[in-house]
C-alpha atoms as a PDB file:
ATOM      1  CA  MET A   1     -29.671 -37.446  -5.338  1.00  0.00           C
ATOM      2  CA  THR A   2     -32.073 -39.398  -3.117  1.00  0.00           C
ATOM      3  CA  VAL A   3     -31.270 -39.912   0.575  1.00  0.00           C
ATOM      4  CA  THR A   4     -32.922 -43.149   1.694  1.00  0.00           C
ATOM      5  CA  VAL A   5     -33.922 -43.325   5.363  1.00  0.00           C
ATOM      6  CA  TRP A   6     -35.278 -46.370   7.171  1.00  0.00           C
ATOM      7  CA  MET A   7     -36.698 -45.710  10.626  1.00  0.00           C
ATOM      8  CA  ARG A   8     -38.464 -47.547  13.415  1.00  0.00           C
ATOM      9  CA  ASP A   9     -42.226 -47.283  13.047  1.00  0.00           C
ATOM     10  CA  ARG A  10     -44.024 -45.480  15.878  1.00  0.00           C
ATOM     11  CA  PRO A  11     -47.220 -43.359  15.973  1.00  0.00           C
ATOM     12  CA  GLN A  12     -45.072 -40.266  16.605  1.00  0.00           C
ATOM     13  CA  ARG A  13     -43.278 -40.534  13.223  1.00  0.00           C
ATOM     14  CA  HIS A  14     -45.020 -37.378  12.015  1.00  0.00           C
ATOM     15  CA  CYS A  15     -42.897 -35.366  14.469  1.00  0.00           C
ATOM     16  CA  VAL A  16     -39.909 -35.569  12.104  1.00  0.00           C
ATOM     17  CA  GLY A  17     -41.489 -32.533  10.452  1.00  0.00           C
ATOM     18  CA  SER A  18     -40.934 -31.277   6.932  1.00  0.00           C
ATOM     19  CA  LEU A  19     -38.033 -32.917   5.114  1.00  0.00           C
ATOM     20  CA  PRO A  20     -36.219 -31.985   1.884  1.00  0.00           C
ATOM     21  CA  GLU A  21     -37.716 -33.459  -1.286  1.00  0.00           C
ATOM     22  CA  CYS A  22     -34.628 -35.599  -1.830  1.00  0.00           C
ATOM     23  CA  VAL A  23     -35.382 -37.612   1.328  1.00  0.00           C
ATOM     24  CA  GLU A  24     -37.181 -40.917   0.928  1.00  0.00           C
ATOM     25  CA  ILE A  25     -38.607 -42.277   4.197  1.00  0.00           C
ATOM     26  CA  HIS A  26     -39.402 -45.948   4.840  1.00  0.00           C
ATOM     27  CA  ALA A  27     -40.745 -47.591   8.000  1.00  0.00           C
ATOM     28  CA  ILE A  28     -39.176 -50.610   9.686  1.00  0.00           C
ATOM     29  CA  PRO A  29     -42.062 -52.753  10.997  1.00  0.00           C
ATOM     30  CA  ALA A  30     -42.716 -52.498  14.732  1.00  0.00           C
ATOM     31  CA  ASP A  31     -41.819 -56.171  15.152  1.00  0.00           C
ATOM     32  CA  GLY A  32     -38.293 -55.429  13.905  1.00  0.00           C
ATOM     33  CA  SER A  33     -38.560 -57.750  10.910  1.00  0.00           C
ATOM     34  CA  LEU A  34     -36.289 -57.084   7.931  1.00  0.00           C
ATOM     35  CA  PRO A  35     -37.859 -55.111   5.044  1.00  0.00           C
ATOM     36  CA  SER A  36     -36.731 -56.126   1.558  1.00  0.00           C
ATOM     37  CA  GLY A  37     -35.464 -52.691   0.499  1.00  0.00           C
ATOM     38  CA  ILE A  38     -33.454 -51.819   3.601  1.00  0.00           C
ATOM     39  CA  PRO A  39     -29.982 -52.675   2.127  1.00  0.00           C
ATOM     40  CA  ASP A  40     -30.227 -49.419   0.131  1.00  0.00           C
ATOM     41  CA  ALA A  41     -30.433 -47.302   3.296  1.00  0.00           C
ATOM     42  CA  GLU A  42     -28.178 -44.304   3.835  1.00  0.00           C
ATOM     43  CA  ILE A  43     -29.572 -43.476   7.291  1.00  0.00           C
ATOM     44  CA  VAL A  44     -31.048 -46.076   9.665  1.00  0.00           C
ATOM     45  CA  ILE A  45     -32.909 -45.625  12.941  1.00  0.00           C
ATOM     46  CA  PRO A  46     -33.259 -49.257  14.105  1.00  0.00           C
ATOM     47  CA  PRO A  47     -35.768 -50.620  16.608  1.00  0.00           C
ATOM     48  CA  VAL A  48     -34.140 -51.483  19.924  1.00  0.00           C
ATOM     49  CA  ARG A  49     -32.518 -54.921  19.793  1.00  0.00           C
ATOM     50  CA  SER A  50     -33.976 -55.858  16.396  1.00  0.00           C
ATOM     51  CA  ARG A  51     -31.390 -58.527  15.612  1.00  0.00           C
ATOM     52  CA  ALA A  52     -32.487 -58.931  11.992  1.00  0.00           C
ATOM     53  CA  VAL A  53     -31.889 -55.236  11.296  1.00  0.00           C
ATOM     54  CA  LEU A  54     -28.689 -55.056  13.352  1.00  0.00           C
ATOM     55  CA  GLU A  55     -27.148 -58.011  11.527  1.00  0.00           C
ATOM     56  CA  ARG A  56     -27.938 -56.335   8.210  1.00  0.00           C
ATOM     57  CA  LEU A  57     -26.091 -53.089   8.991  1.00  0.00           C
ATOM     58  CA  ALA A  58     -22.757 -54.555   7.859  1.00  0.00           C
ATOM     59  CA  HIS A  59     -24.293 -55.347   4.470  1.00  0.00           C
ATOM     60  CA  MET A  60     -25.578 -51.892   3.541  1.00  0.00           C
ATOM     61  CA  PRO A  61     -23.013 -50.441   1.103  1.00  0.00           C
ATOM     62  CA  GLY A  62     -24.426 -46.915   1.212  1.00  0.00           C
ATOM     63  CA  LEU A  63     -24.973 -46.699   4.961  1.00  0.00           C
ATOM     64  CA  ALA A  64     -23.599 -43.452   6.410  1.00  0.00           C
ATOM     65  CA  VAL A  65     -25.455 -42.805   9.677  1.00  0.00           C
ATOM     66  CA  VAL A  66     -27.061 -44.932  12.369  1.00  0.00           C
ATOM     67  CA  GLN A  67     -29.209 -42.905  14.765  1.00  0.00           C
ATOM     68  CA  SER A  68     -30.145 -44.478  18.097  1.00  0.00           C
ATOM     69  CA  ALA A  69     -33.593 -43.789  19.537  1.00  0.00           C
ATOM     70  CA  SER A  70     -32.118 -44.073  23.028  1.00  0.00           C
ATOM     71  CA  ALA A  71     -29.374 -42.287  24.937  1.00  0.00           C
ATOM     72  CA  GLY A  72     -27.524 -45.564  25.425  1.00  0.00           C
ATOM     73  CA  THR A  73     -25.803 -47.102  22.406  1.00  0.00           C
ATOM     74  CA  ASP A  74     -24.144 -50.153  24.010  1.00  0.00           C
ATOM     75  CA  TRP A  75     -26.692 -52.395  22.234  1.00  0.00           C
ATOM     76  CA  LEU A  76     -25.820 -50.795  18.879  1.00  0.00           C
ATOM     77  CA  GLU A  77     -22.076 -50.206  18.929  1.00  0.00           C
ATOM     78  CA  PRO A  78     -20.941 -53.780  18.114  1.00  0.00           C
ATOM     79  CA  TRP A  79     -23.109 -53.789  14.979  1.00  0.00           C
ATOM     80  CA  VAL A  80     -22.224 -50.414  13.426  1.00  0.00           C
ATOM     81  CA  PRO A  81     -19.493 -50.872  10.793  1.00  0.00           C
ATOM     82  CA  ALA A  82     -16.359 -48.742  10.625  1.00  0.00           C
ATOM     83  CA  GLY A  83     -16.946 -45.726   8.424  1.00  0.00           C
ATOM     84  CA  VAL A  84     -20.523 -45.269   9.651  1.00  0.00           C
ATOM     85  CA  THR A  85     -21.375 -42.436  12.046  1.00  0.00           C
ATOM     86  CA  LEU A  86     -23.289 -43.410  15.197  1.00  0.00           C
ATOM     87  CA  CYS A  87     -25.422 -40.864  17.061  1.00  0.00           C
ATOM     88  CA  ASN A  88     -27.479 -41.209  20.228  1.00  0.00           C
ATOM     89  CA  ALA A  89     -30.709 -39.558  21.387  1.00  0.00           C
ATOM     90  CA  ARG A  90     -29.271 -37.850  24.443  1.00  0.00           C
ATOM     91  CA  GLY A  91     -31.733 -35.445  26.039  1.00  0.00           C
ATOM     92  CA  THR A  92     -34.927 -36.845  24.536  1.00  0.00           C
ATOM     93  CA  ARG A  93     -35.787 -39.169  27.433  1.00  0.00           C
ATOM     94  CA  ASP A  94     -34.451 -37.170  30.390  1.00  0.00           C
ATOM     95  CA  THR A  95     -37.843 -36.183  31.782  1.00  0.00           C
ATOM     96  CA  ALA A  96     -39.345 -39.666  31.488  1.00  0.00           C
ATOM     97  CA  VAL A  97     -36.394 -41.375  33.192  1.00  0.00           C
ATOM     98  CA  ALA A  98     -36.103 -38.746  35.921  1.00  0.00           C
ATOM     99  CA  GLU A  99     -39.823 -39.016  36.683  1.00  0.00           C
ATOM    100  CA  TRP A 100     -39.532 -42.823  36.895  1.00  0.00           C
ATOM    101  CA  VAL A 101     -36.619 -42.488  39.330  1.00  0.00           C
ATOM    102  CA  LEU A 102     -38.586 -40.094  41.528  1.00  0.00           C
ATOM    103  CA  ALA A 103     -41.690 -42.298  41.379  1.00  0.00           C
ATOM    104  CA  ALA A 104     -39.655 -45.395  42.239  1.00  0.00           C
ATOM    105  CA  ILE A 105     -38.017 -43.696  45.209  1.00  0.00           C
ATOM    106  CA  LEU A 106     -41.333 -42.411  46.567  1.00  0.00           C
ATOM    107  CA  SER A 107     -42.998 -45.775  45.997  1.00  0.00           C
ATOM    108  CA  MET A 108     -40.269 -47.592  47.914  1.00  0.00           C
ATOM    109  CA  GLU A 109     -40.024 -45.043  50.724  1.00  0.00           C
ATOM    110  CA  LYS A 110     -43.824 -44.961  51.153  1.00  0.00           C
ATOM    111  CA  ARG A 111     -44.096 -48.775  50.749  1.00  0.00           C
ATOM    112  CA  LEU A 112     -46.866 -48.426  48.179  1.00  0.00           C
ATOM    113  CA  SER A 113     -46.534 -51.994  46.897  1.00  0.00           C
ATOM    114  CA  SER A 114     -47.476 -53.372  50.324  1.00  0.00           C
ATOM    115  CA  PHE A 115     -50.615 -51.239  50.363  1.00  0.00           C
ATOM    116  CA  VAL A 116     -51.544 -52.328  46.832  1.00  0.00           C
ATOM    117  CA  GLN A 117     -51.244 -55.919  48.037  1.00  0.00           C
ATOM    118  CA  ALA A 118     -53.311 -55.152  51.143  1.00  0.00           C
ATOM    119  CA  GLN A 119     -55.997 -53.563  48.966  1.00  0.00           C
ATOM    120  CA  ALA A 120     -56.099 -56.666  46.758  1.00  0.00           C
ATOM    121  CA  GLU A 121     -56.584 -58.719  49.947  1.00  0.00           C
ATOM    122  CA  ARG A 122     -59.200 -56.232  51.258  1.00  0.00           C
ATOM    123  CA  ARG A 123     -57.134 -55.701  54.390  1.00  0.00           C
ATOM    124  CA  TRP A 124     -56.930 -52.371  56.288  1.00  0.00           C
ATOM    125  CA  ARG A 125     -53.299 -52.490  57.373  1.00  0.00           C
ATOM    126  CA  ALA A 126     -51.836 -49.305  58.845  1.00  0.00           C
ATOM    127  CA  ALA A 127     -48.117 -48.597  59.047  1.00  0.00           C
ATOM    128  CA  MET A 128     -45.680 -45.833  59.989  1.00  0.00           C
ATOM    129  CA  LEU A 129     -44.078 -44.394  56.828  1.00  0.00           C
ATOM    130  CA  ASP A 130     -40.746 -42.667  56.405  1.00  0.00           C
ATOM    131  CA  GLU A 131     -40.246 -39.233  54.847  1.00  0.00           C
ATOM    132  CA  LEU A 132     -38.086 -38.442  51.839  1.00  0.00           C
ATOM    133  CA  CYS A 133     -37.230 -35.011  53.227  1.00  0.00           C
ATOM    134  CA  CYS A 134     -33.665 -34.718  54.560  1.00  0.00           C
ATOM    135  CA  LYS A 135     -32.577 -38.084  53.153  1.00  0.00           C
ATOM    136  CA  ARG A 136     -29.148 -38.267  51.493  1.00  0.00           C
ATOM    137  CA  ALA A 137     -29.030 -39.307  47.846  1.00  0.00           C
ATOM    138  CA  LEU A 138     -25.998 -40.179  45.722  1.00  0.00           C
ATOM    139  CA  ILE A 139     -26.407 -39.965  41.951  1.00  0.00           C
ATOM    140  CA  VAL A 140     -23.857 -42.098  40.091  1.00  0.00           C
ATOM    141  CA  GLY A 141     -23.607 -40.725  36.564  1.00  0.00           C
ATOM    142  CA  TYR A 142     -24.280 -37.011  36.340  1.00  0.00           C
ATOM    143  CA  GLY A 143     -25.275 -36.289  32.774  1.00  0.00           C
ATOM    144  CA  SER A 144     -28.475 -34.532  31.751  1.00  0.00           C
ATOM    145  CA  ILE A 145     -30.693 -37.209  33.353  1.00  0.00           C
ATOM    146  CA  GLY A 146     -28.728 -37.135  36.600  1.00  0.00           C
ATOM    147  CA  GLN A 147     -29.037 -33.364  36.753  1.00  0.00           C
ATOM    148  CA  ARG A 148     -32.800 -33.601  36.200  1.00  0.00           C
ATOM    149  CA  VAL A 149     -33.109 -36.186  38.975  1.00  0.00           C
ATOM    150  CA  ALA A 150     -31.067 -33.984  41.303  1.00  0.00           C
ATOM    151  CA  SER A 151     -33.333 -30.977  40.746  1.00  0.00           C
ATOM    152  CA  MET A 152     -36.424 -33.095  41.476  1.00  0.00           C
ATOM    153  CA  LEU A 153     -34.952 -34.565  44.657  1.00  0.00           C
ATOM    154  CA  GLU A 154     -33.770 -31.178  45.883  1.00  0.00           C
ATOM    155  CA  ALA A 155     -37.378 -29.972  45.630  1.00  0.00           C
ATOM    156  CA  PHE A 156     -38.109 -32.587  48.330  1.00  0.00           C
ATOM    157  CA  GLN A 157     -35.232 -31.192  50.436  1.00  0.00           C
ATOM    158  CA  VAL A 158     -33.097 -34.236  49.768  1.00  0.00           C
ATOM    159  CA  GLU A 159     -29.368 -33.719  50.207  1.00  0.00           C
ATOM    160  CA  VAL A 160     -27.887 -34.685  46.826  1.00  0.00           C
ATOM    161  CA  GLN A 161     -24.308 -35.590  45.960  1.00  0.00           C
ATOM    162  CA  ALA A 162     -23.143 -36.722  42.539  1.00  0.00           C
ATOM    163  CA  VAL A 163     -20.346 -38.853  41.080  1.00  0.00           C
ATOM    164  CA  ALA A 164     -19.091 -38.802  37.497  1.00  0.00           C
ATOM    165  CA  ALA A 165     -16.145 -40.339  35.655  1.00  0.00           C
ATOM    166  CA  THR A 166     -14.076 -37.243  36.427  1.00  0.00           C
ATOM    167  CA  ALA A 167     -14.532 -34.557  39.070  1.00  0.00           C
ATOM    168  CA  ARG A 168     -15.934 -31.181  38.021  1.00  0.00           C
ATOM    169  CA  GLY A 169     -17.131 -28.409  40.294  1.00  0.00           C
ATOM    170  CA  GLU A 170     -19.198 -29.960  43.061  1.00  0.00           C
ATOM    171  CA  VAL A 171     -19.418 -33.301  41.223  1.00  0.00           C
ATOM    172  CA  HIS A 172     -17.067 -35.920  42.670  1.00  0.00           C
ATOM    173  CA  GLY A 173     -14.815 -38.206  40.647  1.00  0.00           C
ATOM    174  CA  VAL A 174     -15.499 -41.945  40.602  1.00  0.00           C
ATOM    175  CA  GLU A 175     -12.539 -42.541  42.946  1.00  0.00           C
ATOM    176  CA  ARG A 176     -14.679 -41.034  45.756  1.00  0.00           C
ATOM    177  CA  LEU A 177     -17.505 -43.529  45.170  1.00  0.00           C
ATOM    178  CA  PRO A 178     -16.701 -46.036  47.967  1.00  0.00           C
ATOM    179  CA  GLU A 179     -16.596 -43.417  50.703  1.00  0.00           C
ATOM    180  CA  LEU A 180     -19.677 -41.568  49.438  1.00  0.00           C
ATOM    181  CA  LEU A 181     -21.702 -44.781  49.275  1.00  0.00           C
ATOM    182  CA  ALA A 182     -21.295 -45.221  53.010  1.00  0.00           C
ATOM    183  CA  LEU A 183     -23.112 -41.911  53.589  1.00  0.00           C
ATOM    184  CA  ALA A 184     -26.066 -42.401  51.219  1.00  0.00           C
ATOM    185  CA  ASP A 185     -29.642 -43.401  52.052  1.00  0.00           C
ATOM    186  CA  ILE A 186     -30.488 -43.619  48.331  1.00  0.00           C
ATOM    187  CA  VAL A 187     -28.140 -44.484  45.450  1.00  0.00           C
ATOM    188  CA  VAL A 188     -29.277 -43.835  41.870  1.00  0.00           C
ATOM    189  CA  LEU A 189     -27.395 -45.473  38.977  1.00  0.00           C
ATOM    190  CA  LEU A 190     -27.506 -43.509  35.707  1.00  0.00           C
ATOM    191  CA  VAL A 191     -24.187 -44.402  34.081  1.00  0.00           C
ATOM    192  CA  PRO A 192     -23.864 -45.662  30.499  1.00  0.00           C
ATOM    193  CA  LEU A 193     -22.708 -49.247  30.027  1.00  0.00           C
ATOM    194  CA  THR A 194     -19.024 -49.240  29.102  1.00  0.00           C
ATOM    195  CA  GLU A 195     -16.059 -51.479  29.865  1.00  0.00           C
ATOM    196  CA  GLN A 196     -15.348 -49.186  32.825  1.00  0.00           C
ATOM    197  CA  THR A 197     -18.887 -49.370  34.270  1.00  0.00           C
ATOM    198  CA  ARG A 198     -19.690 -53.036  33.562  1.00  0.00           C
ATOM    199  CA  GLY A 199     -20.004 -54.704  36.961  1.00  0.00           C
ATOM    200  CA  LEU A 200     -19.144 -51.415  38.705  1.00  0.00           C
ATOM    201  CA  PHE A 201     -21.606 -52.142  41.491  1.00  0.00           C
ATOM    202  CA  ASP A 202     -20.194 -55.443  42.692  1.00  0.00           C
ATOM    203  CA  GLU A 203     -20.167 -56.990  46.161  1.00  0.00           C
ATOM    204  CA  ARG A 204     -17.484 -54.574  47.327  1.00  0.00           C
ATOM    205  CA  MET A 205     -19.561 -51.522  46.376  1.00  0.00           C
ATOM    206  CA  LEU A 206     -22.859 -52.928  47.648  1.00  0.00           C
ATOM    207  CA  ALA A 207     -21.258 -53.780  50.987  1.00  0.00           C
ATOM    208  CA  ARG A 208     -20.338 -50.095  51.394  1.00  0.00           C
ATOM    209  CA  MET A 209     -24.008 -49.070  51.310  1.00  0.00           C
ATOM    210  CA  PRO A 210     -25.644 -48.636  54.744  1.00  0.00           C
ATOM    211  CA  ALA A 211     -28.129 -51.243  55.921  1.00  0.00           C
ATOM    212  CA  GLY A 212     -31.655 -50.360  54.823  1.00  0.00           C
ATOM    213  CA  SER A 213     -30.534 -48.063  52.009  1.00  0.00           C
ATOM    214  CA  LEU A 214     -32.194 -48.054  48.595  1.00  0.00           C
ATOM    215  CA  LEU A 215     -30.470 -48.788  45.273  1.00  0.00           C
ATOM    216  CA  VAL A 216     -32.211 -47.463  42.136  1.00  0.00           C
ATOM    217  CA  ASN A 217     -30.957 -48.677  38.751  1.00  0.00           C
ATOM    218  CA  ALA A 218     -32.229 -46.857  35.667  1.00  0.00           C
ATOM    219  CA  SER A 219     -29.059 -47.304  33.597  1.00  0.00           C
ATOM    220  CA  ARG A 220     -28.182 -50.820  32.378  1.00  0.00           C
ATOM    221  CA  GLY A 221     -28.540 -54.143  34.155  1.00  0.00           C
ATOM    222  CA  ALA A 222     -24.927 -55.170  33.609  1.00  0.00           C
ATOM    223  CA  VAL A 223     -23.677 -52.188  35.651  1.00  0.00           C
ATOM    224  CA  LEU A 224     -24.874 -54.125  38.695  1.00  0.00           C
ATOM    225  CA  ASP A 225     -23.797 -57.588  39.896  1.00  0.00           C
ATOM    226  CA  THR A 226     -27.174 -59.344  40.085  1.00  0.00           C
ATOM    227  CA  ASP A 227     -26.002 -62.208  42.299  1.00  0.00           C
ATOM    228  CA  ALA A 228     -24.392 -59.837  44.782  1.00  0.00           C
ATOM    229  CA  LEU A 229     -27.520 -57.675  44.912  1.00  0.00           C
ATOM    230  CA  LEU A 230     -29.719 -60.742  45.358  1.00  0.00           C
ATOM    231  CA  ALA A 231     -27.675 -61.841  48.381  1.00  0.00           C
ATOM    232  CA  HIS A 232     -28.134 -58.430  50.025  1.00  0.00           C
ATOM    233  CA  LEU A 233     -31.873 -58.442  49.269  1.00  0.00           C
ATOM    234  CA  LEU A 234     -32.366 -61.929  50.697  1.00  0.00           C
ATOM    235  CA  ALA A 235     -30.485 -60.894  53.830  1.00  0.00           C
ATOM    236  CA  GLY A 236     -32.803 -57.897  54.191  1.00  0.00           C
ATOM    237  CA  ARG A 237     -29.822 -55.538  54.201  1.00  0.00           C
ATOM    238  CA  LEU A 238     -30.627 -53.515  51.051  1.00  0.00           C
ATOM    239  CA  ARG A 239     -33.684 -52.536  49.023  1.00  0.00           C
ATOM    240  CA  ALA A 240     -33.776 -51.983  45.256  1.00  0.00           C
ATOM    241  CA  ALA A 241     -35.887 -50.433  42.501  1.00  0.00           C
ATOM    242  CA  LEU A 242     -34.838 -51.780  39.106  1.00  0.00           C
ATOM    243  CA  ASP A 243     -35.946 -50.744  35.629  1.00  0.00           C
ATOM    244  CA  VAL A 244     -33.127 -52.822  34.121  1.00  0.00           C
ATOM    245  CA  THR A 245     -31.785 -56.260  34.975  1.00  0.00           C
ATOM    246  CA  ASP A 246     -29.029 -58.661  34.036  1.00  0.00           C
ATOM    247  CA  PRO A 247     -30.118 -60.858  32.333  1.00  0.00           C
ATOM    248  CA  GLU A 248     -32.804 -58.941  30.459  1.00  0.00           C
ATOM    249  CA  PRO A 249     -35.613 -59.743  29.999  1.00  0.00           C
ATOM    250  CA  LEU A 250     -35.519 -61.347  33.426  1.00  0.00           C
ATOM    251  CA  PRO A 251     -36.354 -65.079  33.085  1.00  0.00           C
ATOM    252  CA  GLU A 252     -39.665 -66.131  34.619  1.00  0.00           C
ATOM    253  CA  GLN A 253     -38.020 -68.378  37.224  1.00  0.00           C
ATOM    254  CA  HIS A 254     -35.275 -65.951  38.247  1.00  0.00           C
ATOM    255  CA  PRO A 255     -35.111 -65.535  42.057  1.00  0.00           C
ATOM    256  CA  LEU A 256     -34.899 -61.746  41.734  1.00  0.00           C
ATOM    257  CA  TRP A 257     -38.644 -61.648  40.971  1.00  0.00           C
ATOM    258  CA  SER A 258     -39.585 -62.892  44.438  1.00  0.00           C
ATOM    259  CA  ALA A 259     -36.753 -61.357  46.460  1.00  0.00           C
ATOM    260  CA  PRO A 260     -37.879 -59.179  49.386  1.00  0.00           C
ATOM    261  CA  GLY A 261     -37.529 -55.424  49.157  1.00  0.00           C
ATOM    262  CA  VAL A 262     -37.320 -55.135  45.368  1.00  0.00           C
ATOM    263  CA  MET A 263     -39.474 -53.397  42.754  1.00  0.00           C
ATOM    264  CA  ILE A 264     -38.951 -54.342  39.087  1.00  0.00           C
ATOM    265  CA  THR A 265     -40.244 -52.661  35.937  1.00  0.00           C
ATOM    266  CA  PRO A 266     -39.508 -53.941  32.386  1.00  0.00           C
ATOM    267  CA  HIS A 267     -37.037 -51.312  31.090  1.00  0.00           C
ATOM    268  CA  ILE A 268     -39.725 -48.716  30.466  1.00  0.00           C
ATOM    269  CA  ALA A 269     -38.421 -45.724  32.451  1.00  0.00           C
ATOM    270  CA  GLY A 270     -37.588 -43.710  29.334  1.00  0.00           C
ATOM    271  CA  ASP A 271     -40.703 -44.624  27.365  1.00  0.00           C
ATOM    272  CA  SER A 272     -43.465 -42.059  27.032  1.00  0.00           C
ATOM    273  CA  PRO A 273     -45.396 -40.539  24.109  1.00  0.00           C
ATOM    274  CA  GLN A 274     -43.716 -37.211  24.816  1.00  0.00           C
ATOM    275  CA  ALA A 275     -40.247 -38.791  24.749  1.00  0.00           C
ATOM    276  CA  GLU A 276     -41.063 -40.460  21.425  1.00  0.00           C
ATOM    277  CA  GLU A 277     -42.108 -37.102  20.013  1.00  0.00           C
ATOM    278  CA  ARG A 278     -38.762 -35.611  21.071  1.00  0.00           C
ATOM    279  CA  VAL A 279     -36.917 -38.577  19.522  1.00  0.00           C
ATOM    280  CA  TYR A 280     -38.605 -38.055  16.156  1.00  0.00           C
ATOM    281  CA  ARG A 281     -38.019 -34.311  16.261  1.00  0.00           C
ATOM    282  CA  LEU A 282     -34.337 -35.093  16.776  1.00  0.00           C
ATOM    283  CA  ILE A 283     -34.412 -37.577  13.889  1.00  0.00           C
ATOM    284  CA  GLY A 284     -35.953 -34.946  11.611  1.00  0.00           C
ATOM    285  CA  ASP A 285     -33.301 -32.427  12.661  1.00  0.00           C
ATOM    286  CA  GLN A 286     -30.522 -34.962  12.013  1.00  0.00           C
ATOM    287  CA  ILE A 287     -31.835 -35.770   8.526  1.00  0.00           C
ATOM    288  CA  ARG A 288     -32.028 -32.083   7.599  1.00  0.00           C
ATOM    289  CA  ARG A 289     -28.499 -31.536   8.935  1.00  0.00           C
ATOM    290  CA  TYR A 290     -27.231 -34.506   6.940  1.00  0.00           C
ATOM    291  CA  VAL A 291     -28.765 -33.237   3.700  1.00  0.00           C
ATOM    292  CA  ARG A 292     -27.305 -29.755   4.281  1.00  0.00           C
ATOM    293  CA  HIS A 293     -23.878 -31.261   5.144  1.00  0.00           C
ATOM    294  CA  GLU A 294     -24.041 -29.735   8.631  1.00  0.00           C
ATOM    295  CA  PRO A 295     -22.526 -31.349  11.757  1.00  0.00           C
ATOM    296  CA  LEU A 296     -24.792 -33.959  13.308  1.00  0.00           C
ATOM    297  CA  LEU A 297     -25.863 -33.817  16.953  1.00  0.00           C
ATOM    298  CA  ASN A 298     -24.979 -36.324  19.692  1.00  0.00           C
ATOM    299  CA  VAL A 299     -22.222 -38.047  17.717  1.00  0.00           C
ATOM    300  CA  VAL A 300     -20.941 -41.076  19.627  1.00  0.00           C
ATOM    301  CA  ARG A 301     -18.573 -42.249  16.908  1.00  0.00           C
ATOM    302  CA  ASP A 302     -17.687 -40.209  13.843  1.00  0.00           C
ATOM    303  CA  GLY A 303     -17.561 -42.658  10.943  1.00  0.00           C
ATOM    304  CA  ARG A 304     -15.562 -40.294   8.788  1.00  0.00           C
ATOM    305  CA  ALA A 305     -12.543 -40.838  11.026  1.00  0.00           C
ATOM    306  CA  HIS A 306     -12.664 -44.539  10.150  1.00  0.00           C
ATOM    307  CA  ARG A 307     -12.762 -44.104   6.361  1.00  0.00           C
ATOM    308  CA  PRO A 308      -9.552 -44.481   4.348  1.00  0.00           C
ATOM    309  CA  GLY A 309      -8.024 -41.121   3.537  1.00  0.00           C
ATOM    310  CA  LEU A 310     -10.098 -39.208   6.122  1.00  0.00           C
ATOM    311  CA  SER A 311      -9.255 -38.046   9.631  1.00  0.00           C
END
């Protein structure tokens, strides 16, 4: 029996490795357009936010598995029908995101953007720069990426504390967040977007952060109240490094672009050739597991529990 797989097309596709002969692989165009044969898919790895493909998922009678190419699945979950298993790519982008977080923190603390601007203006403009050593960082969301960020910051002798949904060991529960915010020089957001985290960093939370502190968001834009952050930026009270925004993409005329004390990148923290290679190795592993009827990795929602007669 043939297992039909449709996957996002990237140069790293070869990293799926050797697959059983029964597997038939097809590429979804990089522009996310809808291929004619995709309704026959049994496994789909959709391009991020390809609306044409997402809308088609509910009309694939043989669809069994949707594999995300990202750790976050908030953009996918509303589209995956009951009875279809959804898996994420947890672990594949940890290094890329953690390196972006570290680079963003160093760039903001060393005020590199101001020197880039001075260079463009051919101006020799000296300044006194702060050190990262001995700063206090709070990581909000302590999964595999948060742990990688912590190890990098600790190498710079940063004092790191962490918050997760529930307390475990030295990791604090989310109920401690308000008091811990008041002690942090740097706050790093790495939580998934859920109903519990949507708007988590509102005016009340931002007001708890000390004046001059840095907020780094590498999770999802909707975790953060954009208007509240903008008010703090315009007042010169907080600084921010954002790889994600709400709305996203950020409209050309949005005031966040020109706000003081903010660095914005276009949701690229987790994107690297090496991360893509790890994603496709995971995809290959998942396909082989599926064919051998073995448990899949990184299951977010087990579709079998939503099929009549199964539990």
